[in-house]
Protein backbone atom coordinates (compact mmCIF):
# COMPACT_ATOMS: atom_id res chain seq x y z
CA MET A 1 2.13 9.83 91.06
CA ARG A 2 -0.14 12.31 89.31
CA ALA A 3 -1.32 9.81 86.67
CA LEU A 4 -2.66 7.46 89.35
CA GLN A 5 -4.21 10.39 91.21
CA LEU A 6 -6.11 11.35 88.05
CA LEU A 7 -7.33 7.78 87.65
CA GLU A 8 -8.54 7.80 91.27
CA GLU A 9 -10.28 11.12 90.61
CA GLY A 10 -11.99 9.48 87.64
CA ILE A 11 -13.62 7.03 90.05
CA GLY A 12 -15.11 9.93 91.96
CA ARG A 13 -16.36 11.46 88.72
CA GLY A 14 -18.13 8.22 87.81
CA LEU A 15 -15.96 7.54 84.73
CA HIS A 16 -14.90 4.08 85.90
CA LEU A 17 -14.91 1.88 88.99
CA GLY A 18 -11.24 0.91 88.76
CA GLY A 19 -8.51 -0.40 86.55
CA GLN A 20 -4.88 -1.41 86.09
CA LEU A 21 -1.79 0.50 84.97
CA ALA A 22 1.55 -1.12 84.06
CA VAL A 23 4.58 0.84 82.86
CA SER A 24 8.17 0.03 82.03
CA LEU A 25 10.96 2.50 81.32
CA ARG A 26 14.16 1.44 79.58
CA GLY A 27 13.45 -2.19 80.44
CA GLU A 28 12.59 -1.64 84.11
CA ARG A 29 9.05 -2.07 85.44
CA VAL A 30 8.29 1.20 87.21
CA VAL A 31 4.51 0.92 87.71
CA ASP A 32 2.38 -2.18 88.33
CA ALA A 33 -0.78 -0.89 89.94
CA ALA A 34 -4.41 -1.81 90.44
CA PHE A 35 -6.81 0.85 91.66
CA GLY A 36 -10.46 1.14 92.63
CA GLU A 37 -12.91 -1.73 92.33
CA VAL A 38 -13.39 -4.51 89.81
CA ARG A 39 -17.08 -4.59 90.74
CA PRO A 40 -18.95 -2.77 93.53
CA GLY A 41 -17.53 -3.77 96.89
CA GLU A 42 -14.58 -5.79 95.49
CA ALA A 43 -11.11 -4.31 95.14
CA MET A 44 -9.39 -4.44 91.76
CA ARG A 45 -6.29 -6.66 91.82
CA ARG A 46 -3.33 -6.84 89.48
CA ASP A 47 -4.27 -10.39 88.50
CA HIS A 48 -7.80 -9.61 87.31
CA LEU A 49 -8.22 -10.32 83.60
CA MET A 50 -9.09 -7.03 81.91
CA LEU A 51 -10.71 -6.82 78.49
CA TRP A 52 -8.38 -5.19 75.95
CA LEU A 53 -10.98 -4.62 73.21
CA SER A 54 -9.24 -3.21 70.11
CA ALA A 55 -5.91 -3.09 71.91
CA SER A 56 -5.99 -6.80 70.95
CA LYS A 57 -5.48 -6.02 67.25
CA PRO A 58 -1.66 -5.81 67.36
CA LEU A 59 -1.51 -9.47 68.46
CA THR A 60 -2.98 -10.59 65.15
CA ALA A 61 -0.79 -8.07 63.29
CA ILE A 62 2.29 -9.61 64.93
CA ALA A 63 1.16 -13.10 63.88
CA VAL A 64 0.84 -11.91 60.27
CA ALA A 65 4.25 -10.22 60.51
CA GLN A 66 5.81 -13.49 61.67
CA LEU A 67 4.40 -15.27 58.63
CA TRP A 68 5.70 -12.43 56.44
CA GLU A 69 9.18 -13.03 57.85
CA ARG A 70 8.84 -16.74 57.15
CA GLU A 71 7.94 -15.91 53.53
CA ARG A 72 4.53 -17.51 53.81
CA LEU A 73 2.93 -14.31 52.51
CA ASP A 74 3.80 -10.81 51.38
CA VAL A 75 1.99 -7.73 52.60
CA ASP A 76 1.21 -6.79 48.99
CA ASP A 77 -0.31 -10.17 48.18
CA PRO A 78 -3.97 -10.04 47.19
CA VAL A 79 -5.86 -11.68 50.02
CA ALA A 80 -7.56 -13.90 47.43
CA ARG A 81 -4.20 -15.56 46.67
CA HIS A 82 -4.50 -17.29 50.04
CA ILE A 83 -8.28 -17.18 50.57
CA PRO A 84 -9.71 -17.54 47.03
CA GLU A 85 -13.34 -16.98 48.01
CA PHE A 86 -12.46 -13.56 49.43
CA GLY A 87 -11.92 -12.20 45.91
CA SER A 88 -15.63 -12.07 45.08
CA ASN A 89 -17.77 -8.93 44.71
CA GLY A 90 -15.01 -6.51 43.76
CA LYS A 91 -12.51 -7.49 46.46
CA ASP A 92 -9.95 -9.17 44.20
CA ALA A 93 -7.58 -6.17 44.48
CA VAL A 94 -7.68 -6.02 48.29
CA THR A 95 -4.24 -6.85 49.71
CA VAL A 96 -2.93 -7.83 53.12
CA ARG A 97 -1.56 -4.29 53.38
CA HIS A 98 -5.05 -2.86 52.92
CA LEU A 99 -6.39 -5.03 55.75
CA LEU A 100 -3.57 -4.01 58.10
CA THR A 101 -4.00 -0.29 57.36
CA HIS A 102 -7.81 -0.13 57.43
CA THR A 103 -8.08 0.82 53.76
CA ALA A 104 -9.82 -2.31 52.43
CA GLY A 105 -13.39 -0.98 52.31
CA ILE A 106 -15.26 -3.78 54.13
CA ARG A 107 -16.22 -2.08 57.39
CA THR A 108 -19.33 -4.11 58.20
CA LEU A 109 -20.07 -4.62 61.89
CA GLU A 110 -22.18 -7.71 61.15
CA THR A 111 -19.78 -10.64 61.46
CA GLY A 112 -22.09 -13.02 63.32
CA TRP A 113 -19.68 -13.22 66.29
CA PRO A 114 -20.10 -14.64 68.91
CA ASP A 115 -23.17 -16.61 67.82
CA ALA A 116 -21.90 -17.90 64.47
CA ASP A 117 -19.10 -20.43 64.22
CA TRP A 118 -15.75 -19.43 62.72
CA GLU A 119 -16.40 -20.90 59.26
CA THR A 120 -19.74 -19.10 58.96
CA THR A 121 -18.22 -15.79 59.99
CA ILE A 122 -15.43 -16.11 57.41
CA ALA A 123 -17.91 -17.07 54.69
CA GLU A 124 -20.10 -14.05 55.48
CA ILE A 125 -17.15 -11.65 55.31
CA CYS A 126 -15.82 -13.22 52.11
CA ALA A 127 -19.23 -12.70 50.48
CA LEU A 128 -19.24 -8.95 51.23
CA LYS A 129 -19.28 -6.39 48.47
CA LEU A 130 -16.65 -3.67 48.43
CA GLU A 131 -18.14 -0.44 49.77
CA PRO A 132 -19.41 1.86 47.01
CA ARG A 133 -16.84 4.29 45.56
CA TRP A 134 -14.09 2.74 47.68
CA ARG A 135 -10.70 2.30 46.04
CA PRO A 136 -8.61 0.07 48.34
CA GLY A 137 -5.51 1.84 49.59
CA PHE A 138 -6.75 5.31 48.64
CA LYS A 139 -9.62 5.69 51.10
CA ALA A 140 -9.43 4.93 54.82
CA GLY A 141 -11.93 3.92 57.45
CA TYR A 142 -11.34 1.95 60.62
CA HIS A 143 -12.48 -1.68 60.34
CA LEU A 144 -13.73 -2.67 63.77
CA ALA A 145 -13.81 -6.42 63.20
CA SER A 146 -14.25 -7.74 59.65
CA SER A 147 -10.68 -7.39 58.35
CA TRP A 148 -9.28 -8.87 61.55
CA PHE A 149 -11.21 -12.09 61.10
CA VAL A 150 -9.75 -12.27 57.58
CA LEU A 151 -6.20 -11.67 58.83
CA ALA A 152 -6.70 -14.40 61.43
CA GLU A 153 -8.00 -16.73 58.72
CA LEU A 154 -4.82 -16.04 56.74
CA VAL A 155 -2.85 -17.25 59.75
CA ARG A 156 -4.99 -20.37 60.01
CA ARG A 157 -4.67 -21.26 56.33
CA LEU A 158 -0.94 -20.63 56.11
CA ASP A 159 0.08 -22.09 59.47
CA GLY A 160 -2.68 -24.61 60.15
CA ARG A 161 -3.49 -23.39 63.66
CA PRO A 162 -6.48 -21.21 64.62
CA ILE A 163 -5.47 -17.73 65.73
CA ASP A 164 -6.11 -18.42 69.43
CA ARG A 165 -3.82 -21.48 69.44
CA TYR A 166 -1.20 -19.78 67.27
CA LEU A 167 -0.95 -16.77 69.57
CA ARG A 168 -0.76 -18.85 72.73
CA ALA A 169 2.09 -20.94 71.31
CA GLU A 170 4.04 -18.31 69.37
CA LEU A 171 3.59 -15.17 71.46
CA LEU A 172 1.65 -15.24 74.72
CA GLU A 173 3.09 -18.26 76.53
CA PRO A 174 6.71 -17.57 75.46
CA LEU A 175 6.35 -13.98 76.69
CA GLY A 176 5.20 -15.27 80.08
CA MET A 177 1.61 -14.10 79.50
CA ALA A 178 0.08 -17.17 81.16
CA ASP A 179 -3.24 -15.49 81.94
CA SER A 180 -3.67 -13.71 78.59
CA TRP A 181 -5.94 -15.00 75.85
CA LEU A 182 -7.63 -14.20 72.57
CA GLY A 183 -10.59 -16.42 73.27
CA MET A 184 -9.96 -18.83 76.14
CA PRO A 185 -11.10 -22.44 76.61
CA ALA A 186 -14.43 -22.77 78.41
CA GLU A 187 -12.80 -24.70 81.24
CA ARG A 188 -10.34 -21.85 81.85
CA PHE A 189 -13.20 -19.35 81.85
CA ALA A 190 -14.94 -21.42 84.54
CA ALA A 191 -11.74 -21.77 86.56
CA TYR A 192 -10.98 -18.04 86.48
CA GLY A 193 -14.43 -17.21 87.84
CA GLU A 194 -14.48 -13.76 89.41
CA ARG A 195 -11.00 -12.97 88.06
CA VAL A 196 -12.64 -12.22 84.69
CA ALA A 197 -13.23 -8.49 85.07
CA PRO A 198 -16.54 -7.02 83.91
CA SER A 199 -16.90 -3.64 82.19
CA TRP A 200 -19.48 -0.93 82.80
CA ASN A 201 -21.21 1.58 80.56
CA THR A 202 -20.61 4.71 82.64
CA GLU A 203 -22.21 6.93 80.00
CA SER A 204 -25.42 5.63 81.58
CA ASP A 205 -26.59 6.89 84.99
CA PRO A 206 -26.51 4.65 86.92
CA PRO A 207 -23.82 2.60 85.15
CA VAL A 208 -25.00 -0.50 83.27
CA ARG A 209 -22.88 -3.63 83.09
CA HIS A 210 -21.75 -4.59 79.58
CA ASP A 211 -22.28 -8.20 78.52
CA TRP A 212 -18.62 -8.47 77.46
CA ASP A 213 -17.71 -10.89 80.26
CA GLU A 214 -20.38 -13.44 79.36
CA GLU A 215 -18.98 -16.81 78.36
CA PRO A 216 -19.45 -16.72 74.54
CA ARG A 217 -17.79 -13.29 74.33
CA VAL A 218 -14.83 -14.47 76.38
CA THR A 219 -14.30 -17.95 74.97
CA ARG A 220 -14.88 -17.49 71.22
CA PRO A 221 -11.96 -15.73 69.50
CA ASN A 222 -12.52 -12.29 68.05
CA PRO A 223 -9.13 -11.25 66.64
CA GLY A 224 -10.10 -7.58 66.67
CA SER A 225 -11.45 -7.17 70.15
CA ASN A 226 -11.55 -9.91 72.79
CA GLY A 227 -8.00 -10.20 74.01
CA ARG A 228 -8.05 -10.40 77.77
CA GLY A 229 -5.54 -10.59 80.62
CA PRO A 230 -3.76 -8.53 83.28
CA MET A 231 -2.32 -5.30 81.90
CA ARG A 232 1.11 -6.15 83.29
CA GLU A 233 1.09 -9.09 80.87
CA LEU A 234 0.05 -7.05 77.83
CA LEU A 235 2.95 -4.74 78.68
CA ALA A 236 5.34 -7.57 77.75
CA VAL A 237 4.30 -7.33 74.09
CA TYR A 238 5.49 -3.72 73.95
CA GLU A 239 8.64 -4.49 75.90
CA MET A 240 9.41 -7.07 73.24
CA LEU A 241 8.77 -4.56 70.46
CA LEU A 242 11.00 -2.00 72.18
CA GLY A 243 13.61 -4.76 72.43
CA ARG A 244 13.72 -4.88 68.63
CA GLY A 245 11.75 -8.11 68.59
CA THR A 246 13.59 -9.90 71.39
CA LEU A 247 12.72 -10.35 75.06
CA ALA A 248 14.49 -12.52 77.64
CA GLY A 249 16.71 -14.05 74.98
CA ARG A 250 13.95 -15.18 72.62
CA ARG A 251 13.38 -13.53 69.24
CA TYR A 252 9.81 -13.04 68.03
CA LEU A 253 10.41 -10.63 65.13
CA ALA A 254 13.47 -9.29 63.34
CA PRO A 255 14.37 -5.59 63.74
CA PRO A 256 13.52 -4.68 60.10
CA THR A 257 10.05 -6.16 60.61
CA ILE A 258 9.57 -4.08 63.76
CA ASP A 259 10.55 -0.99 61.76
CA ALA A 260 8.04 -1.85 59.03
CA ILE A 261 5.01 -2.60 61.18
CA THR A 262 5.49 0.48 63.37
CA ALA A 263 6.34 2.93 60.56
CA HIS A 264 3.87 5.44 59.12
CA GLN A 265 2.55 3.10 56.40
CA ARG A 266 -0.71 5.03 55.97
CA VAL A 267 -0.14 8.78 56.05
CA GLY A 268 -2.49 11.75 55.90
CA LEU A 269 -5.69 9.93 55.03
CA PHE A 270 -8.95 11.06 56.57
CA ASP A 271 -10.48 8.17 58.48
CA HIS A 272 -14.14 7.88 57.47
CA THR A 273 -15.01 5.91 60.59
CA PHE A 274 -13.36 8.18 63.17
CA ARG A 275 -13.91 11.36 61.10
CA HIS A 276 -10.36 12.49 61.75
CA ALA A 277 -6.98 12.12 60.04
CA LEU A 278 -4.94 9.28 61.50
CA ASP A 279 -1.71 7.54 60.51
CA TRP A 280 -1.23 3.77 60.75
CA GLY A 281 1.49 1.19 60.64
CA PHE A 282 0.67 -2.45 59.95
CA GLY A 283 -1.92 -3.02 62.68
CA PHE A 284 -0.64 -0.21 64.90
CA VAL A 285 -1.85 3.35 65.36
CA VAL A 286 1.24 5.54 65.04
CA SER A 287 1.42 8.97 66.59
CA SER A 288 -0.94 11.35 64.80
CA ALA A 289 -0.63 14.35 67.11
CA HIS A 290 0.57 16.45 64.15
CA TYR A 291 -3.05 16.53 62.94
CA GLY A 292 -4.15 18.28 66.15
CA ASP A 293 -5.64 16.98 69.38
CA ALA A 294 -9.16 18.26 68.87
CA GLY A 295 -11.37 15.23 68.53
CA ALA A 296 -8.48 12.87 67.78
CA PRO A 297 -9.10 9.29 68.91
CA TYR A 298 -6.43 6.87 70.07
CA GLY A 299 -3.89 9.45 71.20
CA TYR A 300 -1.00 8.89 73.60
CA GLY A 301 -0.98 12.21 75.46
CA ARG A 302 0.60 15.56 74.68
CA HIS A 303 4.20 14.45 75.28
CA ALA A 304 4.36 11.30 73.13
CA THR A 305 7.09 11.52 70.50
CA PRO A 306 6.40 11.08 66.75
CA ARG A 307 7.60 7.45 66.69
CA THR A 308 5.11 6.32 69.36
CA PHE A 309 2.97 3.37 68.28
CA GLY A 310 0.34 1.14 69.83
CA HIS A 311 -3.40 0.62 69.91
CA SER A 312 -6.29 1.60 72.12
CA GLY A 313 -9.65 -0.03 72.78
CA TYR A 314 -13.16 1.33 72.96
CA ARG A 315 -13.24 4.08 75.59
CA SER A 316 -11.28 2.03 78.13
CA THR A 317 -7.82 0.79 77.12
CA ALA A 318 -4.50 2.01 75.74
CA ALA A 319 -1.26 0.13 75.17
CA PHE A 320 1.74 1.67 73.41
CA ALA A 321 5.49 2.12 73.17
CA ASP A 322 7.54 5.28 72.76
CA PRO A 323 10.93 4.17 71.38
CA GLU A 324 12.59 7.55 71.90
CA HIS A 325 12.18 7.15 75.67
CA GLY A 326 12.17 3.36 75.94
CA LEU A 327 8.68 3.68 77.44
CA ALA A 328 5.98 1.00 77.37
CA VAL A 329 2.50 1.54 78.83
CA ALA A 330 -0.57 -0.69 79.28
CA LEU A 331 -3.66 0.91 80.84
CA ALA A 332 -7.23 -0.35 81.21
CA VAL A 333 -10.19 0.96 83.13
CA ASN A 334 -13.54 -0.78 83.52
CA GLY A 335 -15.82 2.13 82.65
CA THR A 336 -16.81 3.44 79.20
CA PRO A 337 -18.06 7.03 79.44
CA GLY A 338 -18.93 9.23 76.46
CA ALA A 339 -16.36 9.61 73.70
CA GLU A 340 -15.20 13.10 74.68
CA ALA A 341 -15.08 12.31 78.40
CA HIS A 342 -12.91 9.29 77.65
CA ARG A 343 -10.61 11.15 75.26
CA GLU A 344 -10.06 13.89 77.83
CA ARG A 345 -9.56 11.33 80.63
CA PHE A 346 -6.80 9.37 78.87
CA HIS A 347 -5.18 12.49 77.40
CA ARG A 348 -4.75 13.92 80.90
CA VAL A 349 -3.61 10.63 82.46
CA LEU A 350 -1.06 9.79 79.76
CA SER A 351 0.27 13.35 79.66
CA ALA A 352 0.68 13.26 83.44
CA LEU A 353 2.46 9.90 83.22
CA TYR A 354 5.17 11.40 81.00
CA GLU A 355 5.52 14.26 83.47
CA ASP A 356 5.71 11.85 86.42
CA LEU A 357 8.60 10.07 84.69
CA ASP A 358 10.38 13.31 83.71
CA LEU A 359 9.87 12.54 80.04
CA ALA A 360 7.87 15.62 79.08
CA VAL A 361 9.65 17.89 76.62
CA SER A 362 8.63 21.15 75.02
CA ALA A 363 8.79 21.99 71.33
CA SER A 364 12.28 23.37 71.95
CA GLY A 365 13.44 19.96 73.21
CA ARG A 366 13.85 21.19 76.78
CA PRO A 367 11.94 19.72 79.76
CA ALA A 368 8.40 21.07 79.81
C-alpha cells in the first residue's frame, strides 16, 4: 500500500518515529496498521494510546449536538442564556453557533490548563473581552481552546456531568472505545504506563520530546485537544457518522443532525488564525479544497469529495469521513515537523490512500 510506504519513508526523512493508520470502506475495516516506533527502540503497536490533539474537537461537538436534539439548547441560543457570566465584556451576542464555527472572537491561548482547575479556567474565559473590531458570525479565526472549554461547560450545566464523564458514558464506551479518553483518571494513566504514546518535535534536530504525555496533560480534560486512544477506536466515531448516527444497532444522533453538523455552516470566510479561507460545519472542518491547496491547513488529500468532513490535529493527526465513498480514516503520527513539511506529508499520504483504494477520480468523474 502506497500510503503506508509514504509513512515509512517519512520515518527515514525524520518527520516522525511511527504512528497508526485505521481505515474503513463501506463499513468494512480495510486497514488497521501500526508502523515505526513509539519511542526509540520500541515498536509502535495498534494498542498504543495516541494523542489526537484538535482531532478531539468533534467529540465535544457531538455532545452539544446530542443536547440540541434533546431540546436542551438551540445552536442560535446566546451562550449567556445558559452560562450567564459569559455575557460580560461584549460577549452577550455570542451564540453556540459562533463557538462551533470559530467565529466568536475569543481566541486567547491563555486558559490556565492544565494548572488551573476547571472552575478557574471557565471563570477566566467568561471574563474575556471580545476581540477588537470583531463582529461574531461575520469574522472567523480558529479558536484553539477557549471556545471548547465553554462548549464543554454548556454540556456540564445542561446535563450535570463533566465533559469527560459525559463522553465516556454517551459516546466512547457505547462505541466500544474502551481505551479512548478526553482526560483519563490518574489511576488509568498509571495503569497504562508505556502504552501512553509520547510525541516528538521533529522540527528540532535532534527531535525533542513534547511534554504532552505528562500526567497533568493526560488526566485533566481539555475539550479542544487532549483526546487520546488508539486510532482504530477513533475511527468508530466516523463510522457512526457515516452510518447516519447509528452503529451496531445503537443510535447516537439522528440523520438530520448529522446533516446539520457536517454541512457547510461557515462558508467563504477568511480564517484570521490560519490565514486561509476555510469552511466549517458545527465543530467539523468540511472540505475546503475549492479554495486551493496552496497553504491550506487541515486538508484531506487531492481526491476527497466536497462532502468530506472531519478534523485534524497539530501537525500530526487527521480523522475524517467521505460520505460519497463510505470512507472513514483515522491517522496519527508521533512527530511534528514544520507546518509545510507536515501539510505536504499528509497531503501525499491521504491522496495515495484514495488511490490505493481505487477511489481517486478526475474532474471528469473518471478514475484518475
